[in-house]
Protein backbone atom coordinates (compact mmCIF):
# COMPACT_ATOMS: atom_id res chain seq x y z
CA UNK A 1 42.48 -20.22 -20.99
CA UNK A 2 41.16 -18.42 -17.92
CA UNK A 3 40.92 -14.76 -18.98
CA UNK A 4 41.79 -13.69 -15.44
CA UNK A 5 45.04 -15.64 -15.34
CA UNK A 6 48.37 -13.86 -15.41
CA UNK A 7 49.16 -15.49 -18.75
CA UNK A 8 46.12 -13.79 -20.28
CA UNK A 9 47.43 -10.40 -19.27
CA UNK A 10 51.12 -10.96 -19.95
CA UNK A 11 52.60 -8.38 -22.27
CA UNK A 12 55.78 -8.96 -24.24
CA UNK A 13 57.95 -5.85 -24.51
CA UNK A 14 59.59 -5.45 -27.92
CA UNK A 15 61.17 -2.00 -27.52
CA UNK A 16 62.92 -0.30 -24.62
CA UNK A 17 60.69 2.37 -23.01
CA UNK A 18 63.71 4.61 -22.36
CA UNK A 19 65.56 4.69 -25.70
CA UNK A 20 63.26 2.78 -28.07
CA UNK A 21 65.93 0.17 -28.81
CA UNK A 22 64.88 -3.32 -29.84
CA UNK A 23 67.95 -5.22 -28.62
CA UNK A 24 66.49 -6.70 -25.44
CA UNK A 25 68.61 -9.63 -24.30
CA UNK A 26 67.76 -12.20 -21.66
CA UNK A 27 69.83 -12.08 -18.45
CA UNK A 28 68.26 -14.49 -15.96
CA UNK A 29 64.93 -15.54 -14.47
CA UNK A 30 63.50 -14.63 -11.08
CA UNK A 31 60.38 -16.40 -9.75
CA UNK A 32 59.56 -17.70 -13.26
CA UNK A 33 59.89 -14.18 -14.69
CA UNK A 34 62.49 -13.25 -17.30
CA UNK A 35 64.75 -10.26 -16.64
CA UNK A 36 66.19 -8.68 -19.80
CA UNK A 37 68.50 -5.76 -20.52
CA UNK A 38 68.47 -3.21 -23.32
CA UNK A 39 71.86 -3.35 -25.01
CA UNK A 40 71.57 0.31 -26.06
CA UNK A 41 70.87 2.08 -22.74
CA UNK A 42 71.38 -0.79 -20.24
CA UNK A 43 67.88 -0.56 -18.71
CA UNK A 44 66.82 -3.81 -17.00
CA UNK A 45 63.18 -4.90 -17.05
CA UNK A 46 60.91 -7.91 -16.68
CA UNK A 47 59.76 -9.34 -20.00
CA UNK A 48 57.06 -10.50 -20.53
CA UNK A 49 55.28 -8.50 -17.86
CA UNK A 50 52.35 -9.72 -15.80
CA UNK A 51 50.01 -6.75 -15.90
CA UNK A 52 47.46 -8.54 -13.73
CA UNK A 53 49.69 -8.14 -10.70
CA UNK A 54 48.55 -5.01 -8.86
CA UNK A 55 51.47 -3.41 -7.02
CA UNK A 56 50.84 -3.06 -3.35
CA UNK A 57 52.29 -0.42 -1.03
CA UNK A 58 56.07 -0.36 -1.07
CA UNK A 59 57.31 -1.51 2.31
CA UNK A 60 60.11 0.42 3.96
CA UNK A 61 63.35 -1.60 4.12
CA UNK A 62 64.30 -2.88 7.57
CA UNK A 63 65.87 -0.21 9.75
CA UNK A 64 64.42 2.69 7.74
CA UNK A 65 62.11 5.17 9.48
CA UNK A 66 59.47 6.24 6.89
CA UNK A 67 58.73 9.48 8.75
CA UNK A 68 62.42 10.46 8.84
CA UNK A 69 62.77 9.58 5.15
CA UNK A 70 59.70 11.71 4.32
CA UNK A 71 61.25 14.66 6.16
CA UNK A 72 64.47 14.23 4.23
CA UNK A 73 62.61 14.15 0.89
CA UNK A 74 60.74 17.35 1.73
CA UNK A 75 63.88 19.05 3.03
CA UNK A 76 65.51 18.40 -0.34
CA UNK A 77 62.40 19.66 -2.11
CA UNK A 78 62.37 22.86 -0.04
CA UNK A 79 66.04 23.57 -0.79
CA UNK A 80 65.49 22.93 -4.48
CA UNK A 81 62.36 25.12 -4.65
CA UNK A 82 63.56 27.72 -2.12
CA UNK A 83 60.49 27.23 0.04
CA UNK A 84 57.44 25.09 0.68
CA UNK A 85 53.72 25.36 0.07
CA UNK A 86 51.47 25.33 -2.97
CA UNK A 87 49.51 22.55 -4.60
CA UNK A 88 51.14 19.13 -4.40
CA UNK A 89 49.93 16.01 -6.20
CA UNK A 90 51.33 12.71 -4.95
CA UNK A 91 51.15 9.47 -6.90
CA UNK A 92 52.42 6.97 -4.39
CA UNK A 93 52.62 3.39 -3.23
CA UNK A 94 52.20 3.85 0.48
CA UNK A 95 53.77 7.15 1.45
CA UNK A 96 51.29 8.11 4.16
CA UNK A 97 54.11 9.70 6.14
CA UNK A 98 55.16 11.72 3.10
CA UNK A 99 51.64 13.06 2.56
CA UNK A 100 51.23 13.91 6.25
CA UNK A 101 54.56 15.71 6.40
CA UNK A 102 53.75 17.67 3.21
CA UNK A 103 50.46 18.82 4.74
CA UNK A 104 52.29 19.87 7.91
CA UNK A 105 54.59 22.04 5.78
CA UNK A 106 51.74 23.97 4.21
CA UNK A 107 51.16 22.08 0.99
CA UNK A 108 47.63 21.61 -0.35
CA UNK A 109 47.92 17.86 -0.85
CA UNK A 110 46.09 15.72 -3.40
CA UNK A 111 46.82 12.03 -3.83
CA UNK A 112 46.29 9.22 -6.31
CA UNK A 113 47.07 5.54 -6.08
CA UNK A 114 48.12 3.43 -9.04
CA UNK A 115 50.25 4.50 -11.99
CA UNK A 116 47.89 6.02 -14.53
CA UNK A 117 47.41 9.63 -13.31
CA UNK A 118 43.79 9.90 -14.34
CA UNK A 119 43.41 13.64 -13.79
CA UNK A 120 42.78 15.81 -16.83
CA UNK A 121 44.80 18.86 -17.82
CA UNK A 122 42.02 21.02 -16.35
CA UNK A 123 43.11 19.70 -12.96
CA UNK A 124 46.65 20.91 -13.58
CA UNK A 125 48.59 23.86 -12.23
CA UNK A 126 50.31 21.89 -9.48
CA UNK A 127 53.51 23.41 -8.12
CA UNK A 128 54.80 19.95 -7.19
CA UNK A 129 54.11 16.41 -8.45
CA UNK A 130 55.56 13.52 -6.44
CA UNK A 131 56.00 10.06 -7.99
CA UNK A 132 56.80 7.95 -4.94
CA UNK A 133 57.98 4.42 -5.71
CA UNK A 134 55.67 4.13 -8.74
CA UNK A 135 57.84 4.76 -11.80
CA UNK A 136 59.46 1.32 -11.64
CA UNK A 137 56.05 -0.43 -11.48
CA UNK A 138 54.33 1.69 -14.16
CA UNK A 139 53.63 -0.18 -17.43
CA UNK A 140 54.56 3.01 -19.32
CA UNK A 141 57.01 5.12 -17.27
CA UNK A 142 57.52 7.63 -20.08
CA UNK A 143 53.77 8.14 -20.41
CA UNK A 144 53.47 8.65 -16.65
CA UNK A 145 56.17 11.32 -16.78
CA UNK A 146 54.43 13.09 -19.67
CA UNK A 147 51.16 13.11 -17.69
CA UNK A 148 52.99 14.57 -14.70
CA UNK A 149 54.54 17.23 -16.96
CA UNK A 150 51.09 18.20 -18.29
CA UNK A 151 49.72 18.60 -14.74
CA UNK A 152 52.55 20.82 -13.51
CA UNK A 153 52.44 24.60 -13.64
CA UNK A 154 55.19 26.20 -15.80
CA UNK A 155 58.44 25.64 -13.94
CA UNK A 156 56.75 23.24 -11.54
CA UNK A 157 58.87 20.68 -9.73
CA UNK A 158 58.83 16.90 -10.05
CA UNK A 159 60.09 14.70 -7.20
CA UNK A 160 60.71 11.04 -8.10
CA UNK A 161 61.74 8.31 -5.68
CA UNK A 162 62.83 4.88 -6.84
CA UNK A 163 64.95 1.91 -5.87
CA UNK A 164 68.27 1.76 -7.70
CA UNK A 165 70.12 -1.13 -9.27
CA UNK A 166 73.28 1.00 -8.80
CA UNK A 167 73.35 0.35 -5.07
CA UNK A 168 76.04 -1.69 -3.41
CA UNK A 169 73.49 -4.14 -2.04
CA UNK A 170 71.82 -4.80 -5.40
CA UNK A 171 75.14 -5.28 -7.17
CA UNK A 172 76.34 -7.68 -4.51
CA UNK A 173 73.06 -9.61 -4.36
CA UNK A 174 72.53 -9.65 -8.14
CA UNK A 175 69.58 -11.95 -8.91
CA UNK A 176 68.93 -12.46 -5.19
CA UNK A 177 68.26 -8.74 -4.70
CA UNK A 178 65.07 -8.28 -2.66
CA UNK A 179 63.58 -5.94 -5.29
CA UNK A 180 63.41 -8.72 -7.87
CA UNK A 181 59.80 -9.50 -7.07
CA UNK A 182 56.49 -9.67 -8.91
CA UNK A 183 55.62 -5.99 -8.50
CA UNK A 184 58.71 -4.54 -10.17
CA UNK A 185 58.63 -4.01 -13.92
CA UNK A 186 61.78 -1.91 -14.30
CA UNK A 187 65.11 -1.81 -12.48
CA UNK A 188 66.42 1.70 -12.93
CA UNK A 189 69.89 3.05 -12.38
CA UNK A 190 70.77 6.71 -12.28
CA UNK A 191 72.15 6.39 -15.81
CA UNK A 192 68.83 5.07 -17.19
CA UNK A 193 66.35 7.14 -15.16
CA UNK A 194 67.94 10.54 -15.76
CA UNK A 195 67.75 10.41 -19.61
CA UNK A 196 64.14 9.23 -19.27
CA UNK A 197 63.33 12.41 -17.34
CA UNK A 198 65.13 14.61 -19.85
CA UNK A 199 63.48 12.87 -22.80
CA UNK A 200 60.02 13.60 -21.36
CA UNK A 201 60.24 17.32 -20.74
CA UNK A 202 62.17 17.74 -17.49
CA UNK A 203 65.39 19.66 -16.90
CA UNK A 204 67.54 21.19 -14.14
CA UNK A 205 67.85 17.68 -12.75
CA UNK A 206 69.40 17.04 -9.35
CA UNK A 207 69.82 13.42 -8.24
CA UNK A 208 70.60 12.08 -4.79
CA UNK A 209 71.42 8.45 -4.14
CA UNK A 210 72.10 8.54 -0.37
CA UNK A 211 68.73 9.42 1.11
CA UNK A 212 67.66 6.02 2.41
CA UNK A 213 70.91 4.92 4.00
CA UNK A 214 73.59 7.38 5.13
CA UNK A 215 76.15 4.57 5.22
CA UNK A 216 76.96 3.99 1.57
CA UNK A 217 73.43 3.98 0.16
CA UNK A 218 73.27 0.19 0.53
CA UNK A 219 69.48 0.01 0.56
CA UNK A 220 69.41 1.51 -2.91
CA UNK A 221 67.18 4.57 -2.83
CA UNK A 222 67.29 7.37 -5.40
CA UNK A 223 65.60 10.76 -5.38
CA UNK A 224 65.38 13.00 -8.45
CA UNK A 225 64.31 16.64 -8.46
CA UNK A 226 63.55 18.31 -11.80
CA UNK A 227 61.59 21.19 -13.31
CA UNK A 228 59.06 21.01 -16.09
CA UNK A 229 60.56 22.63 -19.19
CA UNK A 230 58.69 24.05 -22.19
CA UNK A 231 58.42 21.42 -24.92
CA UNK A 232 60.00 22.47 -28.24
CA UNK A 233 58.56 21.45 -31.58
CA UNK A 234 62.15 20.67 -32.61
CA UNK A 235 65.11 20.18 -30.24
CA UNK A 236 68.01 22.59 -30.61
CA UNK A 237 71.74 21.93 -30.72
CA UNK A 238 74.10 24.63 -29.37
CA UNK A 239 77.62 24.70 -30.81
CA UNK A 240 80.20 26.53 -28.69
CA UNK A 241 83.15 27.72 -30.81
CA UNK A 242 86.12 29.34 -29.00
CA UNK A 243 88.24 31.33 -31.46
CA UNK A 244 91.68 32.85 -30.91
CA UNK A 245 94.24 33.39 -33.67
CA UNK A 246 92.60 30.94 -36.10
CA UNK A 247 92.60 33.16 -39.21
CA UNK A 248 94.08 30.40 -41.40
CA UNK A 249 91.28 27.91 -40.75
CA UNK A 250 88.33 29.86 -39.33
CA UNK A 251 86.54 30.77 -42.56
CA UNK A 252 86.77 27.26 -44.03
CA UNK A 253 85.61 25.62 -40.80
CA UNK A 254 82.86 28.14 -40.08
CA UNK A 255 81.36 27.97 -43.55
CA UNK A 256 81.06 24.20 -43.05
CA UNK A 257 79.35 24.81 -39.70
CA UNK A 258 76.84 27.23 -41.23
CA UNK A 259 76.07 24.74 -43.98
CA UNK A 260 75.61 21.88 -41.53
CA UNK A 261 72.09 20.46 -41.31
CA UNK A 262 71.00 17.71 -38.92
CA UNK A 263 67.64 16.07 -39.45
CA UNK A 264 65.20 16.89 -36.67
CA UNK A 265 67.43 19.48 -34.96
CA UNK A 266 67.76 23.25 -35.10
CA UNK A 267 71.29 24.61 -34.68
CA UNK A 268 72.67 27.73 -33.00
CA UNK A 269 76.36 28.68 -33.02
CA UNK A 270 77.89 30.66 -30.16
CA UNK A 271 81.32 32.01 -31.12
CA UNK A 272 83.59 33.36 -28.39
CA UNK A 273 86.30 35.58 -29.92
CA UNK A 274 89.16 36.34 -27.54
CA UNK A 275 90.64 39.49 -29.14
CA UNK A 276 92.87 37.74 -31.66
CA UNK A 277 95.95 39.42 -33.10
CA UNK A 278 96.03 37.68 -36.50
CA UNK A 279 92.81 38.97 -38.08
CA UNK A 280 90.39 36.37 -36.69
CA UNK A 281 88.33 39.08 -34.99
CA UNK A 282 87.67 40.84 -38.30
CA UNK A 283 86.62 37.54 -39.88
CA UNK A 284 84.20 36.78 -37.03
CA UNK A 285 82.64 40.25 -37.42
CA UNK A 286 81.43 39.22 -40.89
CA UNK A 287 79.20 36.55 -39.31
CA UNK A 288 77.86 38.36 -36.26
CA UNK A 289 74.48 39.19 -37.86
CA UNK A 290 73.82 35.71 -39.23
CA UNK A 291 70.52 34.38 -37.79
CA UNK A 292 72.19 31.21 -36.52
CA UNK A 293 75.13 32.99 -34.87
CA UNK A 294 75.69 34.65 -31.50
CA UNK A 295 79.09 36.28 -30.91
CA UNK A 296 80.64 36.83 -27.50
CA UNK A 297 83.45 39.39 -27.64
CA UNK A 298 86.22 39.04 -25.05
CA UNK A 299 88.47 42.02 -24.40
CA UNK A 300 91.58 39.85 -24.01
CA UNK A 301 92.56 36.18 -24.25
CA UNK A 302 92.13 34.37 -20.94
CA UNK A 303 92.42 30.80 -22.25
CA UNK A 304 90.27 28.30 -24.08
CA UNK A 305 88.50 27.23 -20.91
CA UNK A 306 87.44 30.78 -20.11
CA UNK A 307 86.12 31.18 -23.66
CA UNK A 308 84.10 27.95 -23.50
CA UNK A 309 82.68 28.97 -20.13
CA UNK A 310 81.57 32.27 -21.65
CA UNK A 311 79.90 30.42 -24.50
CA UNK A 312 78.09 28.01 -22.17
CA UNK A 313 76.52 30.97 -20.39
CA UNK A 314 74.88 32.11 -23.65
CA UNK A 315 73.54 28.87 -25.10
CA UNK A 316 69.79 28.17 -25.38
CA UNK A 317 69.74 24.66 -26.88
CA UNK A 318 68.80 21.26 -25.52
CA UNK A 319 72.13 19.69 -26.48
CA UNK A 320 75.66 21.13 -26.38
CA UNK A 321 78.67 20.35 -28.56
CA UNK A 322 82.06 22.07 -28.21
CA UNK A 323 83.73 22.71 -31.57
CA UNK A 324 87.21 24.21 -32.03
CA UNK A 325 87.77 26.65 -34.86
CA UNK A 326 90.51 24.54 -36.47
CA UNK A 327 90.18 21.53 -38.78
CA UNK A 328 91.33 18.68 -36.51
CA UNK A 329 87.86 17.13 -36.16
CA UNK A 330 85.29 16.07 -38.75
CA UNK A 331 81.82 17.66 -38.74
CA UNK A 332 80.43 14.53 -40.37
CA UNK A 333 80.67 12.82 -36.96
CA UNK A 334 77.91 15.03 -35.49
CA UNK A 335 75.06 12.65 -36.31
CA UNK A 336 76.74 9.67 -34.66
CA UNK A 337 77.57 11.71 -31.55
CA UNK A 338 74.08 13.15 -31.16
CA UNK A 339 72.02 10.04 -31.89
CA UNK A 340 72.38 8.55 -28.36
CA UNK A 341 71.29 11.85 -26.78
CA UNK A 342 68.33 12.42 -29.07
CA UNK A 343 67.08 8.86 -28.53
CA UNK A 344 67.52 9.12 -24.77
CA UNK A 345 70.18 6.41 -24.51
CA UNK A 346 72.52 8.63 -22.48
CA UNK A 347 73.01 12.24 -21.40
CA UNK A 348 76.76 12.56 -22.13
CA UNK A 349 78.90 11.47 -25.11
CA UNK A 350 82.61 11.76 -25.82
CA UNK A 351 84.00 11.60 -29.35
CA UNK A 352 87.04 9.37 -28.80
CA UNK A 353 89.97 10.15 -31.05
CA UNK A 354 91.11 6.54 -31.04
CA UNK A 355 89.18 3.35 -31.19
CA UNK A 356 87.81 1.37 -34.07
CA UNK A 357 90.43 0.25 -36.58
CA UNK A 358 92.72 3.29 -36.92
CA UNK A 359 95.19 5.13 -34.70
CA UNK A 360 94.07 8.75 -34.69
CA UNK A 361 96.15 10.35 -31.97
CA UNK A 362 98.93 12.86 -32.47
CA UNK A 363 101.30 12.11 -35.33
CA UNK A 364 103.20 15.24 -36.33
CA UNK A 365 105.13 15.10 -39.61
CA UNK A 366 108.86 15.34 -38.93
CA UNK A 367 108.34 15.48 -35.12
CA UNK A 368 108.17 11.84 -33.96
CA UNK A 369 109.64 12.57 -30.50
CA UNK A 370 107.11 15.30 -29.71
CA UNK A 371 104.31 13.07 -31.00
CA UNK A 372 105.45 10.18 -28.77
CA UNK A 373 105.77 12.38 -25.68
CA UNK A 374 102.29 13.90 -26.12
CA UNK A 375 100.72 10.49 -26.70
CA UNK A 376 102.43 9.09 -23.61
CA UNK A 377 101.18 12.08 -21.60
CA UNK A 378 97.68 11.38 -22.87
CA UNK A 379 97.74 7.82 -21.53
CA UNK A 380 99.30 8.93 -18.25
CA UNK A 381 96.66 11.56 -17.53
CA UNK A 382 93.88 9.26 -18.71
CA UNK A 383 95.09 6.68 -16.19
CA UNK A 384 95.02 9.32 -13.43
CA UNK A 385 91.44 10.26 -14.30
CA UNK A 386 90.28 6.63 -14.44
CA UNK A 387 91.94 5.66 -11.15
CA UNK A 388 91.02 8.86 -9.34
CA UNK A 389 87.37 8.95 -10.40
CA UNK A 390 86.47 5.28 -10.90
CA UNK A 391 86.06 5.58 -14.67
CA UNK A 392 87.05 3.56 -17.74
CA UNK A 393 87.56 6.27 -20.32
CA UNK A 394 89.80 6.13 -23.38
CA UNK A 395 89.84 9.81 -24.32
CA UNK A 396 88.50 12.15 -21.61
CA UNK A 397 90.32 15.12 -23.15
CA UNK A 398 88.73 15.05 -26.59
CA UNK A 399 87.33 18.34 -27.83
CA UNK A 400 84.07 16.61 -28.82
CA UNK A 401 82.17 16.69 -25.54
CA UNK A 402 78.44 16.40 -26.26
CA UNK A 403 75.78 16.47 -23.55
CA UNK A 404 72.33 17.61 -22.54
CA UNK A 405 72.50 21.25 -21.49
CA UNK A 406 70.80 20.58 -18.16
CA UNK A 407 73.75 18.33 -17.19
CA UNK A 408 75.47 21.61 -16.27
CA UNK A 409 72.79 22.52 -13.72
CA UNK A 410 74.33 22.99 -10.29
CA UNK A 411 77.94 22.88 -11.53
CA UNK A 412 80.46 25.69 -11.10
CA UNK A 413 83.59 26.01 -13.25
CA UNK A 414 86.76 27.98 -12.55
CA UNK A 415 89.44 26.65 -14.95
CA UNK A 416 90.55 28.95 -17.76
CA UNK A 417 93.07 27.06 -19.88
CA UNK A 418 93.11 23.51 -21.22
CA UNK A 419 92.58 22.27 -17.66
CA UNK A 420 88.91 23.07 -18.32
CA UNK A 421 88.80 19.82 -20.34
CA UNK A 422 89.63 17.99 -17.12
CA UNK A 423 87.24 20.06 -15.02
CA UNK A 424 84.24 19.61 -17.31
CA UNK A 425 84.58 15.84 -17.68
CA UNK A 426 85.38 15.21 -14.01
CA UNK A 427 82.54 17.33 -12.66
CA UNK A 428 80.10 15.61 -15.00
CA UNK A 429 81.47 12.27 -13.79
CA UNK A 430 81.11 13.29 -10.16
CA UNK A 431 77.54 14.45 -10.80
CA UNK A 432 76.78 10.95 -12.04
CA UNK A 433 77.08 11.20 -15.83
CA UNK A 434 79.23 8.39 -17.25
CA UNK A 435 79.85 9.12 -20.94
CA UNK A 436 79.35 6.87 -23.92
CA UNK A 437 82.53 7.04 -26.03
CA UNK A 438 82.10 6.95 -29.81
CA UNK A 439 85.12 6.86 -32.17
CA UNK A 440 85.49 9.94 -34.38
CA UNK A 441 87.76 11.03 -37.19
CA UNK A 442 90.74 13.14 -36.12
CA UNK A 443 93.71 14.79 -37.85
CA UNK A 444 96.13 16.28 -35.35
CA UNK A 445 97.82 19.55 -36.12
CA UNK A 446 101.35 20.34 -34.99
CA UNK A 447 102.65 23.30 -33.02
CA UNK A 448 103.83 24.78 -36.32
CA UNK A 449 100.23 24.64 -37.54
CA UNK A 450 98.89 26.53 -34.53
CA UNK A 451 98.48 24.05 -31.64
CA UNK A 452 98.31 26.18 -28.49
CA UNK A 453 98.96 23.68 -25.68
CA UNK A 454 102.00 24.70 -23.65
CA UNK A 455 104.41 21.74 -23.82
CA UNK A 456 105.72 22.32 -20.28
CA UNK A 457 103.25 24.69 -18.59
CA UNK A 458 99.87 23.06 -19.20
CA UNK A 459 100.68 19.62 -17.71
CA UNK A 460 101.31 21.35 -14.36
CA UNK A 461 97.87 22.97 -14.49
CA UNK A 462 96.37 19.56 -15.31
CA UNK A 463 98.00 17.97 -12.27
CA UNK A 464 96.80 20.79 -10.01
CA UNK A 465 93.29 20.47 -11.42
CA UNK A 466 93.23 16.70 -10.86
CA UNK A 467 94.34 17.04 -7.22
CA UNK A 468 91.84 19.83 -6.52
CA UNK A 469 88.94 18.04 -8.22
CA UNK A 470 89.72 14.84 -6.31
CA UNK A 471 89.80 16.54 -2.91
CA UNK A 472 87.20 19.30 -3.05
CA UNK A 473 83.60 18.52 -2.06
CA UNK A 474 80.92 18.91 -4.72
CA UNK A 475 77.20 19.25 -4.02
CA UNK A 476 75.21 20.49 -7.05
CA UNK A 477 72.15 21.25 -4.91
CA UNK A 478 74.24 23.32 -2.51
CA UNK A 479 75.69 25.17 -5.51
CA UNK A 480 72.15 25.94 -6.72
CA UNK A 481 71.20 27.32 -3.28
CA UNK A 482 74.37 29.43 -3.09
CA UNK A 483 73.93 30.84 -6.60
CA UNK A 484 70.31 31.72 -5.82
CA UNK A 485 71.38 33.56 -2.65
CA UNK A 486 74.09 35.39 -4.57
CA UNK A 487 71.61 36.52 -7.22
CA UNK A 488 69.26 37.74 -4.52
CA UNK A 489 72.06 39.74 -2.86
CA UNK A 490 73.81 41.17 -5.91
CA UNK A 491 71.48 40.66 -8.86
CA UNK A 492 74.08 38.43 -10.53
CA UNK A 493 75.20 34.82 -10.29
CA UNK A 494 78.17 32.67 -11.06
CA UNK A 495 78.52 29.21 -12.53
CA UNK A 496 76.12 27.53 -14.88
């Protein structure tokens, strides 16, 4: 066999480079090349890959002005960084306009072609690294991101551009999409590229999918902005525990939390006590000096949502899980809920209270009518969320919401009661995080056992929240800019 032939350099991929999964299933062939999909994280890639093909410069799609696109990229970068200038390293296919515009804006520009980032750590200290249309042609995209992380100064900014298989044009064209050509190795969507960034040391991620085409993003461009985060030896899980009038169950539940160990993860517990009247506050005081525990004391009850928001402002972990102080949910489900996040399969998980083989929704002993009404309300509001926000969720209102902490970056929350469940899920959806739902164990408690949902009052707040969240604009980057300005003016900020 000719050693220079493409067959001699073909490489069969056995594991997904995003999540490490081995379930790579054939979809179709394009130009005698197989396209497969990872069944765990849904990444699409060519397999086997012809590593002899050297990617050429990425041509701008018809009708796109490269200079205007470069200005838009750097405008986004300036808003994210709050300024321009500093050392910028660009790894790019083409991108001459981007490099020229960066130099015009005061950056000290260095450039590399290819996908290997050959510079050593001694060449590091860059304020900005740009990966322009190279991540989807890199044989090892995770390795390229780790090299970029090593070359960035602490808190340095990464800018990634890529084509997206999420776009209207790619979905409509399917296997006839113009990006199914010999250069491309990976076909990223927002849902597969964002966990890859988080899994390789980047946080505070802002994604934009409308930069190439202002009319619907049909061309399919994505831009990601992220900051290099310190790498932990062990990731940390933050548990947020709102507590109000839970004296009957708090000690039992909290002792289980303190005893909980998860392989490979450290755990911190942030308890928010809302000035209970049944003795819960005195019980929480017994735990306030435990090394795993941080206590936030509220002077009066303002609602579960307000308590959770207060807890989210104090967390320091990589992953977040909200845990009520009652006994409705099973702590043994933690491992199953966290596994997709730790492996990088997704950034957001919901623990669905129904699914699998058992009905686990509300079933109150001796109160069949109330149980039926609450279950019907659950399906009604779930339908409103799915229709209003283009989702296919089964249980958006579960207490078990588990996500990467940096998913909250650029989001602002205002809801105080149980409408916060709606606000959190919907704002994560609107930011681009579509959750993986995993069935969990659930034992509903009745109103006699301490359930605090108002049977008549809370549904009205849920309807108001749904209407407001459907109509109000949401721009996470604009929120970041506004919060930064507020901190500069007052020394304090709002939101998360």
